PDB file of N, CA and C in Angstrom:
ATOM      1  N   UNK A   1       0.849  -1.167   0.000  1.00  0.00           N
ATOM      2  CA  UNK A   1       0.000   0.000   0.000  1.00  0.00           C
ATOM      3  C   UNK A   1       0.901   1.238   0.000  1.00  0.00           C
ATOM      4  N   UNK A   2       0.658   2.141  -0.930  1.00  0.00           N
ATOM      5  CA  UNK A   2       1.484   3.349  -0.960  1.00  0.00           C
ATOM      6  C   UNK A   2       1.191   4.250   0.237  1.00  0.00           C
ATOM      7  N   UNK A   3       2.251   4.828   0.771  1.00  0.00           N
ATOM      8  CA  UNK A   3       2.113   5.753   1.890  1.00  0.00           C
ATOM      9  C   UNK A   3       2.598   7.105   1.402  1.00  0.00           C
ATOM     10  N   UNK A   4       1.781   8.121   1.606  1.00  0.00           N
ATOM     11  CA  UNK A   4       2.067   9.443   1.064  1.00  0.00           C
ATOM     12  C   UNK A   4       3.453   9.937   1.434  1.00  0.00           C
ATOM     13  N   UNK A   5       3.880   9.712   2.669  1.00  0.00           N
ATOM     14  CA  UNK A   5       5.189  10.224   3.086  1.00  0.00           C
ATOM     15  C   UNK A   5       6.334   9.557   2.332  1.00  0.00           C
ATOM     16  N   UNK A   6       6.095   8.369   1.762  1.00  0.00           N
ATOM     17  CA  UNK A   6       7.120   7.668   0.997  1.00  0.00           C
ATOM     18  C   UNK A   6       7.114   8.049  -0.482  1.00  0.00           C
ATOM     19  N   UNK A   7       6.111   8.803  -0.906  1.00  0.00           N
ATOM     20  CA  UNK A   7       5.996   9.202  -2.307  1.00  0.00           C
ATOM     21  C   UNK A   7       6.722  10.520  -2.551  1.00  0.00           C
ATOM     22  N   UNK A   8       7.177  10.654  -3.776  1.00  0.00           N
ATOM     23  CA  UNK A   8       7.794  11.909  -4.193  1.00  0.00           C
ATOM     24  C   UNK A   8       6.687  12.776  -4.794  1.00  0.00           C
ATOM     25  N   UNK A   9       5.983  13.512  -3.944  1.00  0.00           N
ATOM     26  CA  UNK A   9       4.842  14.321  -4.374  1.00  0.00           C
ATOM     27  C   UNK A   9       5.303  15.749  -4.604  1.00  0.00           C
ATOM     28  N   UNK A  10       4.886  16.301  -5.730  1.00  0.00           N
ATOM     29  CA  UNK A  10       5.134  17.710  -6.018  1.00  0.00           C
ATOM     30  C   UNK A  10       3.783  18.377  -6.218  1.00  0.00           C
ATOM     31  N   UNK A  11       3.644  19.584  -5.708  1.00  0.00           N
ATOM     32  CA  UNK A  11       2.388  20.312  -5.825  1.00  0.00           C
ATOM     33  C   UNK A  11       2.541  21.480  -6.790  1.00  0.00           C
ATOM     34  N   UNK A  12       1.503  21.720  -7.542  1.00  0.00           N
ATOM     35  CA  UNK A  12       1.409  22.914  -8.377  1.00  0.00           C
ATOM     36  C   UNK A  12       0.451  23.853  -7.665  1.00  0.00           C
ATOM     37  N   UNK A  13       0.836  25.102  -7.549  1.00  0.00           N
ATOM     38  CA  UNK A  13      -0.001  26.075  -6.848  1.00  0.00           C
ATOM     39  C   UNK A  13      -0.519  27.126  -7.822  1.00  0.00           C
ATOM     40  N   UNK A  14      -1.642  27.720  -7.448  1.00  0.00           N
ATOM     41  CA  UNK A  14      -2.200  28.802  -8.256  1.00  0.00           C
ATOM     42  C   UNK A  14      -1.555  30.129  -7.858  1.00  0.00           C
ATOM     43  N   UNK A  15      -2.061  31.207  -8.413  1.00  0.00           N
ATOM     44  CA  UNK A  15      -1.494  32.528  -8.148  1.00  0.00           C
ATOM     45  C   UNK A  15      -1.585  32.916  -6.676  1.00  0.00           C
ATOM     46  N   UNK A  16      -2.547  32.339  -5.953  1.00  0.00           N
ATOM     47  CA  UNK A  16      -2.733  32.643  -4.533  1.00  0.00           C
ATOM     48  C   UNK A  16      -1.882  31.748  -3.634  1.00  0.00           C
ATOM     49  N   UNK A  17      -1.130  30.844  -4.231  1.00  0.00           N
ATOM     50  CA  UNK A  17      -0.310  29.931  -3.448  1.00  0.00           C
ATOM     51  C   UNK A  17      -1.057  28.705  -2.955  1.00  0.00           C
ATOM     52  N   UNK A  18      -2.310  28.526  -3.395  1.00  0.00           N
ATOM     53  CA  UNK A  18      -3.096  27.357  -2.991  1.00  0.00           C
ATOM     54  C   UNK A  18      -2.751  26.182  -3.900  1.00  0.00           C
ATOM     55  N   UNK A  19      -2.644  25.005  -3.316  1.00  0.00           N
ATOM     56  CA  UNK A  19      -2.358  23.810  -4.099  1.00  0.00           C
ATOM     57  C   UNK A  19      -3.523  23.537  -5.047  1.00  0.00           C
ATOM     58  N   UNK A  20      -3.202  23.317  -6.304  1.00  0.00           N
ATOM     59  CA  UNK A  20      -4.256  23.071  -7.282  1.00  0.00           C
ATOM     60  C   UNK A  20      -4.077  21.750  -8.028  1.00  0.00           C
ATOM     61  N   UNK A  21      -2.867  21.215  -8.052  1.00  0.00           N
ATOM     62  CA  UNK A  21      -2.594  19.961  -8.751  1.00  0.00           C
ATOM     63  C   UNK A  21      -1.444  19.240  -8.065  1.00  0.00           C
ATOM     64  N   UNK A  22      -1.286  17.970  -8.453  1.00  0.00           N
ATOM     65  CA  UNK A  22      -0.233  17.139  -7.875  1.00  0.00           C
ATOM     66  C   UNK A  22       0.527  16.458  -9.006  1.00  0.00           C
ATOM     67  N   UNK A  23       1.826  16.332  -8.825  1.00  0.00           N
ATOM     68  CA  UNK A  23       2.660  15.568  -9.747  1.00  0.00           C
ATOM     69  C   UNK A  23       3.197  14.367  -8.971  1.00  0.00           C
ATOM     70  N   UNK A  24       2.960  13.168  -9.543  1.00  0.00           N
ATOM     71  CA  UNK A  24       3.439  11.912  -8.950  1.00  0.00           C
ATOM     72  C   UNK A  24       4.259  11.159  -9.983  1.00  0.00           C
ATOM     73  N   UNK A  25       5.136  10.297  -9.511  1.00  0.00           N
ATOM     74  CA  UNK A  25       5.821   9.399 -10.449  1.00  0.00           C
ATOM     75  C   UNK A  25       4.775   8.439 -11.009  1.00  0.00           C
ATOM     76  N   UNK A  26       5.051   7.889 -12.173  1.00  0.00           N
ATOM     77  CA  UNK A  26       4.107   6.944 -12.771  1.00  0.00           C
ATOM     78  C   UNK A  26       3.934   5.721 -11.877  1.00  0.00           C
ATOM     79  N   UNK A  27       5.004   5.313 -11.190  1.00  0.00           N
ATOM     80  CA  UNK A  27       4.913   4.155 -10.294  1.00  0.00           C
ATOM     81  C   UNK A  27       3.956   4.437  -9.135  1.00  0.00           C
ATOM     82  N   UNK A  28       4.078   5.616  -8.531  1.00  0.00           N
ATOM     83  CA  UNK A  28       3.178   5.976  -7.433  1.00  0.00           C
ATOM     84  C   UNK A  28       1.742   6.107  -7.927  1.00  0.00           C
ATOM     85  N   UNK A  29       1.568   6.699  -9.102  1.00  0.00           N
ATOM     86  CA  UNK A  29       0.233   6.866  -9.671  1.00  0.00           C
ATOM     87  C   UNK A  29      -0.417   5.507  -9.920  1.00  0.00           C
ATOM     88  N   UNK A  30       0.323   4.592 -10.542  1.00  0.00           N
ATOM     89  CA  UNK A  30      -0.224   3.262 -10.820  1.00  0.00           C
ATOM     90  C   UNK A  30      -0.516   2.502  -9.535  1.00  0.00           C
ATOM     91  N   UNK A  31       0.317   2.670  -8.529  1.00  0.00           N
ATOM     92  CA  UNK A  31       0.084   2.025  -7.238  1.00  0.00           C
ATOM     93  C   UNK A  31      -1.195   2.549  -6.592  1.00  0.00           C
ATOM     94  N   UNK A  32      -1.399   3.853  -6.660  1.00  0.00           N
ATOM     95  CA  UNK A  32      -2.629   4.437  -6.115  1.00  0.00           C
ATOM     96  C   UNK A  32      -3.858   3.948  -6.877  1.00  0.00           C
ATOM     97  N   UNK A  33      -3.756   3.852  -8.202  1.00  0.00           N
ATOM     98  CA  UNK A  33      -4.876   3.340  -8.995  1.00  0.00           C
ATOM     99  C   UNK A  33      -5.211   1.904  -8.610  1.00  0.00           C
ATOM    100  N   UNK A  34      -4.189   1.090  -8.406  1.00  0.00           N
ATOM    101  CA  UNK A  34      -4.409  -0.299  -8.010  1.00  0.00           C
ATOM    102  C   UNK A  34      -5.110  -0.373  -6.656  1.00  0.00           C
ATOM    103  N   UNK A  35      -4.666   0.447  -5.717  1.00  0.00           N
ATOM    104  CA  UNK A  35      -5.310   0.483  -4.401  1.00  0.00           C
ATOM    105  C   UNK A  35      -6.767   0.920  -4.519  1.00  0.00           C
ATOM    106  N   UNK A  36      -7.025   1.914  -5.358  1.00  0.00           N
ATOM    107  CA  UNK A  36      -8.388   2.399  -5.555  1.00  0.00           C
ATOM    108  C   UNK A  36      -9.274   1.312  -6.150  1.00  0.00           C
ATOM    109  N   UNK A  37      -8.749   0.581  -7.127  1.00  0.00           N
ATOM    110  CA  UNK A  37      -9.502  -0.521  -7.721  1.00  0.00           C
ATOM    111  C   UNK A  37      -9.800  -1.598  -6.684  1.00  0.00           C
ATOM    112  N   UNK A  38      -8.816  -1.934  -5.853  1.00  0.00           N
ATOM    113  CA  UNK A  38      -9.026  -2.933  -4.799  1.00  0.00           C
ATOM    114  C   UNK A  38     -10.120  -2.488  -3.831  1.00  0.00           C
ATOM    115  N   UNK A  39     -10.089  -1.214  -3.441  1.00  0.00           N
ATOM    116  CA  UNK A  39     -11.104  -0.698  -2.521  1.00  0.00           C
ATOM    117  C   UNK A  39     -12.493  -0.717  -3.151  1.00  0.00           C
ATOM    118  N   UNK A  40     -12.571  -0.440  -4.448  1.00  0.00           N
ATOM    119  CA  UNK A  40     -13.862  -0.482  -5.140  1.00  0.00           C
ATOM    120  C   UNK A  40     -14.415  -1.905  -5.142  1.00  0.00           C
ATOM    121  N   UNK A  41     -13.560  -2.891  -5.367  1.00  0.00           N
ATOM    122  CA  UNK A  41     -13.996  -4.291  -5.352  1.00  0.00           C
ATOM    123  C   UNK A  41     -14.474  -4.681  -3.962  1.00  0.00           C
ATOM    124  N   UNK A  42     -13.741  -4.268  -2.948  1.00  0.00           N
ATOM    125  CA  UNK A  42     -14.151  -4.557  -1.567  1.00  0.00           C
ATOM    126  C   UNK A  42     -15.519  -3.954  -1.286  1.00  0.00           C
ATOM    127  N   UNK A  43     -15.729  -2.719  -1.704  1.00  0.00           N
ATOM    128  CA  UNK A  43     -17.014  -2.053  -1.468  1.00  0.00           C
ATOM    129  C   UNK A  43     -18.144  -2.773  -2.195  1.00  0.00           C
ATOM    130  N   UNK A  44     -17.896  -3.215  -3.425  1.00  0.00           N
ATOM    131  CA  UNK A  44     -18.918  -3.924  -4.197  1.00  0.00           C
ATOM    132  C   UNK A  44     -19.289  -5.256  -3.551  1.00  0.00           C
ATOM    133  N   UNK A  45     -18.328  -5.895  -2.907  1.00  0.00           N
ATOM    134  CA  UNK A  45     -18.551  -7.236  -2.368  1.00  0.00           C
ATOM    135  C   UNK A  45     -18.915  -7.238  -0.891  1.00  0.00           C
ATOM    136  N   UNK A  46     -19.101  -6.071  -0.325  1.00  0.00           N
ATOM    137  CA  UNK A  46     -19.351  -5.942   1.114  1.00  0.00           C
ATOM    138  C   UNK A  46     -20.528  -6.785   1.600  1.00  0.00           C
ATOM    139  N   UNK A  47     -21.581  -6.871   0.807  1.00  0.00           N
ATOM    140  CA  UNK A  47     -22.791  -7.558   1.253  1.00  0.00           C
ATOM    141  C   UNK A  47     -22.853  -9.026   0.831  1.00  0.00           C
ATOM    142  N   UNK A  48     -21.788  -9.529   0.231  1.00  0.00           N
ATOM    143  CA  UNK A  48     -21.779 -10.936  -0.160  1.00  0.00           C
ATOM    144  C   UNK A  48     -21.699 -11.820   1.083  1.00  0.00           C
ATOM    145  N   UNK A  49     -22.306 -12.992   1.016  1.00  0.00           N
ATOM    146  CA  UNK A  49     -22.227 -13.897   2.172  1.00  0.00           C
ATOM    147  C   UNK A  49     -20.785 -14.353   2.403  1.00  0.00           C
ATOM    148  N   UNK A  50     -20.465 -14.633   3.645  1.00  0.00           N
ATOM    149  CA  UNK A  50     -19.123 -15.093   3.995  1.00  0.00           C
ATOM    150  C   UNK A  50     -19.205 -16.489   4.599  1.00  0.00           C
ATOM    151  N   UNK A  51     -18.052 -17.171   4.612  1.00  0.00           N
ATOM    152  CA  UNK A  51     -17.976 -18.468   5.279  1.00  0.00           C
ATOM    153  C   UNK A  51     -16.751 -18.449   6.190  1.00  0.00           C
ATOM    154  N   UNK A  52     -16.769 -19.317   7.173  1.00  0.00           N
ATOM    155  CA  UNK A  52     -15.648 -19.377   8.113  1.00  0.00           C
ATOM    156  C   UNK A  52     -14.421 -19.985   7.435  1.00  0.00           C
ATOM    157  N   UNK A  53     -13.280 -19.765   8.043  1.00  0.00           N
ATOM    158  CA  UNK A  53     -12.030 -20.321   7.531  1.00  0.00           C
ATOM    159  C   UNK A  53     -12.087 -21.844   7.536  1.00  0.00           C
ATOM    160  N   UNK A  54     -12.651 -22.400   8.588  1.00  0.00           N
ATOM    161  CA  UNK A  54     -12.761 -23.861   8.685  1.00  0.00           C
ATOM    162  C   UNK A  54     -13.635 -24.420   7.571  1.00  0.00           C
ATOM    163  N   UNK A  55     -14.752 -23.765   7.303  1.00  0.00           N
ATOM    164  CA  UNK A  55     -15.657 -24.208   6.240  1.00  0.00           C
ATOM    165  C   UNK A  55     -14.957 -24.125   4.884  1.00  0.00           C
ATOM    166  N   UNK A  56     -14.199 -23.064   4.669  1.00  0.00           N
ATOM    167  CA  UNK A  56     -13.459 -22.915   3.420  1.00  0.00           C
ATOM    168  C   UNK A  56     -12.451 -24.051   3.253  1.00  0.00           C
ATOM    169  N   UNK A  57     -11.712 -24.369   4.315  1.00  0.00           N
ATOM    170  CA  UNK A  57     -10.748 -25.463   4.245  1.00  0.00           C
ATOM    171  C   UNK A  57     -11.445 -26.782   3.928  1.00  0.00           C
ATOM    172  N   UNK A  58     -12.606 -27.029   4.554  1.00  0.00           N
ATOM    173  CA  UNK A  58     -13.366 -28.253   4.284  1.00  0.00           C
ATOM    174  C   UNK A  58     -13.738 -28.342   2.807  1.00  0.00           C
ATOM    175  N   UNK A  59     -14.234 -27.231   2.258  1.00  0.00           N
ATOM    176  CA  UNK A  59     -14.652 -27.229   0.859  1.00  0.00           C
ATOM    177  C   UNK A  59     -13.465 -27.427  -0.079  1.00  0.00           C
ATOM    178  N   UNK A  60     -12.339 -26.816   0.232  1.00  0.00           N
ATOM    179  CA  UNK A  60     -11.152 -26.980  -0.605  1.00  0.00           C
ATOM    180  C   UNK A  60     -10.638 -28.412  -0.557  1.00  0.00           C
ATOM    181  N   UNK A  61     -10.701 -29.035   0.611  1.00  0.00           N
ATOM    182  CA  UNK A  61     -10.298 -30.440   0.732  1.00  0.00           C
ATOM    183  C   UNK A  61     -11.244 -31.331  -0.061  1.00  0.00           C
ATOM    184  N   UNK A  62     -12.534 -31.054   0.050  1.00  0.00           N
ATOM    185  CA  UNK A  62     -13.543 -31.843  -0.663  1.00  0.00           C
ATOM    186  C   UNK A  62     -13.339 -31.741  -2.175  1.00  0.00           C
ATOM    187  N   UNK A  63     -12.941 -30.559  -2.643  1.00  0.00           N
ATOM    188  CA  UNK A  63     -12.722 -30.340  -4.073  1.00  0.00           C
ATOM    189  C   UNK A  63     -11.331 -30.777  -4.530  1.00  0.00           C
ATOM    190  N   UNK A  64     -10.521 -31.311  -3.599  1.00  0.00           N
ATOM    191  CA  UNK A  64      -9.193 -31.782  -3.943  1.00  0.00           C
ATOM    192  C   UNK A  64      -8.164 -30.680  -4.128  1.00  0.00           C
ATOM    193  N   UNK A  65      -8.467 -29.495  -3.647  1.00  0.00           N
ATOM    194  CA  UNK A  65      -7.545 -28.370  -3.797  1.00  0.00           C
ATOM    195  C   UNK A  65      -6.619 -28.208  -2.602  1.00  0.00           C
ATOM    196  N   UNK A  66      -6.916 -28.925  -1.522  1.00  0.00           N
ATOM    197  CA  UNK A  66      -6.051 -28.975  -0.342  1.00  0.00           C
ATOM    198  C   UNK A  66      -5.879 -30.439   0.029  1.00  0.00           C
ATOM    199  N   UNK A  67      -4.684 -30.809   0.480  1.00  0.00           N
ATOM    200  CA  UNK A  67      -4.515 -32.202   0.927  1.00  0.00           C
ATOM    201  C   UNK A  67      -5.337 -32.443   2.189  1.00  0.00           C
ATOM    202  N   UNK A  68      -5.817 -33.608   2.323  1.00  0.00           N
ATOM    203  CA  UNK A  68      -6.581 -33.838   3.533  1.00  0.00           C
ATOM    204  C   UNK A  68      -7.049 -35.209   3.652  1.00  0.00           C
TER     205      UNK A  68
END
C-alpha cells in the first residue's frame, strides 16, 4: 500500500499559493490506482455472504484443492 510520506509528491499552486494539482511518479500513480480498484472491489462485495475459515478449508479439501 502506498504511503504518502514515501511518495515523491510535487504540488502545483495557483497565483494565490493554494495547491491546485499534484505531480506523482508513474509508479506511485499506478500504485494508487491499483489500491483504488481494490477498494472499489471490496465495497462492491461488502454484502456478499461469507464463510468461516474452517468451512473454506473443508470445501477446498472436498474439491481436492487442499490435501486432507
